Protein backbone atom coordinates (compact mmCIF):
# COMPACT_ATOMS: atom_id res chain seq x y z
CA MET A 1 100.31 173.83 58.97
CA LEU A 2 96.99 172.75 60.42
CA THR A 3 96.04 173.68 63.96
CA GLN A 4 93.47 172.17 66.30
CA PHE A 5 91.79 175.55 66.51
CA ALA A 6 90.06 176.91 63.43
CA SER A 7 91.80 180.30 63.37
CA PRO A 8 95.61 179.86 63.49
CA GLY A 9 96.08 183.49 64.44
CA LEU A 10 94.07 182.97 67.62
CA VAL A 11 95.84 179.85 68.91
CA GLY A 12 98.12 181.86 71.18
CA ALA A 13 95.22 183.85 72.61
CA ILE A 14 93.30 180.65 73.29
CA VAL A 15 96.02 178.42 74.73
CA GLU A 16 98.05 181.09 76.52
CA GLY A 17 95.81 184.13 76.79
CA GLY A 18 92.60 182.64 78.14
CA LEU A 19 90.40 183.45 75.13
CA ASP A 20 87.25 181.32 75.12
CA PRO A 21 87.42 179.11 72.00
CA ALA A 22 83.73 179.83 71.46
CA GLU A 23 84.85 183.32 70.43
CA ASP A 24 86.83 181.89 67.48
CA PRO A 25 85.02 183.26 64.41
CA GLY A 26 86.21 180.33 62.30
CA TRP A 27 84.64 177.65 64.49
CA ALA A 28 82.26 176.42 61.76
CA ASP A 29 85.21 175.52 59.53
CA SER A 30 86.10 172.77 62.02
CA GLY A 31 82.89 170.89 61.31
CA ALA A 32 81.56 171.46 64.83
CA SER A 33 77.79 171.85 65.17
CA SER A 34 77.98 174.93 67.41
CA PRO A 35 80.47 177.28 69.08
CA ALA A 36 79.81 175.47 72.36
CA GLU A 37 80.67 172.06 70.91
CA TYR A 38 83.76 173.52 69.28
CA ALA A 39 84.89 175.16 72.53
CA ARG A 40 84.37 171.96 74.50
CA TRP A 41 86.27 169.69 72.13
CA ALA A 42 88.90 171.65 70.19
CA GLY A 43 91.47 171.49 72.97
CA HIS A 44 91.26 167.68 72.90
CA LEU A 45 91.73 167.27 69.14
CA CYS A 46 95.50 167.46 68.70
CA GLY A 47 95.44 163.82 67.60
CA MET A 48 92.73 164.45 65.02
CA THR A 49 94.74 167.38 63.71
CA CYS A 50 97.79 165.14 63.34
CA LEU A 51 95.61 162.64 61.48
CA ARG A 52 94.29 165.36 59.17
CA MET A 53 97.88 166.28 58.31
CA ALA A 54 98.77 162.64 57.68
CA LEU A 55 95.73 162.18 55.42
CA GLY A 56 96.71 165.21 53.36
CA THR A 57 94.61 166.99 50.76
CA GLY A 58 90.95 166.09 50.91
CA ALA A 59 91.04 164.99 54.56
CA PRO A 60 87.70 165.17 56.39
CA SER A 61 87.03 168.04 58.75
CA LEU A 62 88.39 167.98 62.27
CA PHE A 63 85.04 167.11 63.82
CA ALA A 64 84.21 164.53 61.15
CA LEU A 65 87.39 162.73 62.20
CA ARG A 66 86.37 163.14 65.84
CA ASP A 67 82.99 161.57 65.08
CA GLY A 68 84.72 158.61 63.48
CA ALA A 69 87.09 158.22 66.41
CA LEU A 70 84.17 158.35 68.86
CA LYS A 71 82.52 155.40 67.09
CA TYR A 72 85.65 153.37 67.82
CA ASP A 73 85.85 154.57 71.45
CA ALA A 74 89.12 156.37 70.78
CA TYR A 75 87.53 159.12 72.86
CA THR A 76 85.20 158.48 75.75
CA GLU A 77 83.31 160.64 78.23
CA ASP A 78 82.83 159.76 81.88
CA ALA A 79 79.65 160.24 83.90
CA ASP A 80 80.59 163.85 84.59
CA GLY A 81 81.13 164.57 80.91
CA VAL A 82 84.92 164.67 81.18
CA ILE A 83 86.52 163.84 77.83
CA LYS A 84 89.09 161.02 77.92
CA GLY A 85 91.50 160.22 75.11
CA LEU A 86 93.04 159.86 72.68
CA VAL A 87 93.11 156.10 73.34
CA TYR A 88 95.73 154.64 71.01
CA ALA A 89 94.52 151.10 70.26
CA PRO A 90 90.99 151.99 69.13
CA PHE A 91 92.40 155.03 67.34
CA ALA A 92 94.75 152.77 65.37
CA ARG A 93 91.85 150.48 64.46
CA TYR A 94 89.81 153.47 63.31
CA VAL A 95 92.63 154.84 61.18
CA SER A 96 93.38 151.44 59.63
CA GLU A 97 89.79 150.35 58.97
CA VAL A 98 88.24 153.66 57.94
CA HIS A 99 91.14 155.56 56.37
CA GLY A 100 93.29 152.68 55.13
CA LEU A 101 96.47 153.82 56.89
CA ASP A 102 98.76 151.31 58.58
CA ALA A 103 98.66 152.75 62.10
CA VAL A 104 100.94 151.07 64.65
CA VAL A 105 100.75 151.73 68.40
CA HIS A 106 104.10 152.11 70.18
CA ARG A 107 103.54 151.85 73.93
CA HIS A 108 107.27 151.97 74.69
CA LEU A 109 109.13 154.16 72.24
CA SER A 110 112.61 155.60 72.67
CA PRO A 111 113.87 158.77 70.97
CA THR A 112 116.21 156.63 68.84
CA GLY A 113 113.21 154.45 68.02
CA ILE A 114 111.51 157.54 66.64
CA LEU A 115 114.51 158.17 64.40
CA ASP A 116 114.35 154.58 63.17
CA LEU A 117 110.67 154.99 62.26
CA LEU A 118 111.37 158.28 60.48
CA ASP A 119 114.22 156.61 58.58
CA GLU A 120 111.74 153.94 57.47
CA GLY A 121 109.62 156.70 55.93
CA ARG A 122 106.94 156.73 58.61
CA THR A 123 105.56 159.68 60.54
CA VAL A 124 105.07 159.51 64.29
CA MET A 125 102.32 160.95 66.43
CA ALA A 126 104.27 161.38 69.65
CA SER A 127 102.98 162.17 73.13
CA VAL A 128 104.72 165.29 74.46
CA HIS A 129 104.07 168.03 76.98
CA TYR A 130 102.31 170.96 75.33
CA GLY A 131 105.10 173.23 76.56
CA ILE A 132 107.20 172.02 73.63
CA ARG A 133 106.10 175.21 71.90
CA HIS A 134 108.64 176.83 74.25
CA PRO A 135 111.52 174.33 74.05
CA GLU A 136 113.86 176.68 75.92
CA VAL A 137 111.74 176.28 79.07
CA PRO A 138 112.06 173.03 81.09
CA PRO A 139 108.69 171.27 81.03
CA PRO A 140 106.84 170.44 84.26
CA GLY A 141 106.01 166.99 82.90
CA ARG A 142 105.83 164.78 79.84
CA GLY A 143 102.96 163.78 77.62
CA GLY A 144 99.36 164.91 77.34
CA HIS A 145 99.62 166.46 73.87
CA LEU A 146 100.31 165.02 70.41
CA VAL A 147 102.60 166.32 67.69
CA LEU A 148 103.38 164.79 64.30
CA LEU A 149 107.05 164.08 63.65
CA THR A 150 107.88 164.00 59.97
CA SER A 151 111.66 163.71 59.48
CA ARG A 152 115.13 164.19 60.90
CA THR A 153 116.80 167.55 60.69
CA ALA A 154 119.46 168.04 58.01
CA ASP A 155 122.27 167.22 60.45
CA GLY A 156 120.46 164.06 61.52
CA ALA A 157 120.57 165.04 65.19
CA GLY A 158 117.11 166.52 65.59
CA VAL A 159 113.51 166.15 64.49
CA HIS A 160 111.03 168.14 62.45
CA PHE A 161 107.47 168.12 63.74
CA HIS A 162 104.11 169.80 63.30
CA ASN A 163 102.47 171.05 66.49
CA PRO A 164 98.66 171.41 66.37
CA SER A 165 98.78 173.97 69.18
CA GLY A 166 101.74 175.94 67.88
CA THR A 167 101.19 179.64 68.44
CA THR A 168 103.39 180.89 65.57
CA ALA A 169 104.49 179.59 62.19
CA ALA A 170 107.83 178.60 63.72
CA THR A 171 106.20 176.59 66.51
CA ARG A 172 103.62 174.99 64.23
CA ALA A 173 106.37 173.65 61.92
CA ALA A 174 109.21 173.24 64.39
CA CYS A 175 112.52 171.46 64.77
CA VAL A 176 114.53 170.73 67.90
CA PRO A 177 117.59 168.62 68.78
CA LEU A 178 116.64 165.13 69.91
CA PRO A 179 117.80 165.64 73.54
CA VAL A 180 115.52 168.68 73.79
CA PHE A 181 112.59 166.72 72.35
CA GLU A 182 113.25 163.92 74.84
CA ARG A 183 112.61 166.26 77.78
CA PHE A 184 108.99 166.64 76.68
CA PHE A 185 108.42 163.14 75.27
CA ALA A 186 106.39 160.57 77.22
CA GLY A 187 107.87 157.53 75.44
CA ARG A 188 104.79 156.49 73.48
CA GLY A 189 102.97 157.24 70.27
CA VAL A 190 101.46 155.97 67.03
CA SER A 191 103.30 155.68 63.74
CA LEU A 192 101.67 156.18 60.36
CA PRO A 193 102.80 155.86 56.76
CA GLY A 194 104.75 158.90 55.60
CA SER A 195 103.04 161.46 53.43
CA THR A 196 104.41 164.16 51.18
CA ALA A 197 101.52 166.26 52.50
CA THR A 198 103.22 166.57 55.88
CA GLY A 199 106.48 168.00 54.47
CA PRO A 200 109.55 168.55 56.68
């Protein structure tokens, strides 16, 4: 599965071990212009990683997608250079107009609403707390990170999702019961057409 950092084996060291992303030897594969640009932005690009997975084979690089999203103001920077986003409405316009995907913003989305969208064959970029990589630990909040939900679990009571900041194979392509997912879920997201590229 794709990660928002160029070297999947270093995700844990970066997000939990304090490794400077500029030290990632694969930074150029992201499409960034320099290690500094990569380090500044990679932690904000969970949404672009989800989009890359939804686009499938032949998707543009992570930073090419970021550049496109910037043109639509799906990311903004304040006077102090603080990065804001992902902003859903301009992101949906970008995805629809540039990549031809029917992106729908869901400002108020219930867990059962997610199941309905999955049953319709759509995928869902859902806002969750990044701690979902450790679902056994109660999260301190909800939202702030995006994962791509792809299907129900075989028993129908849980969800499969891809986590751009997953630290292991099992947390990058994860599944949890719906009540566990709900603890991390902020009740909003963006749905996209389903893709065989995303898998379970």
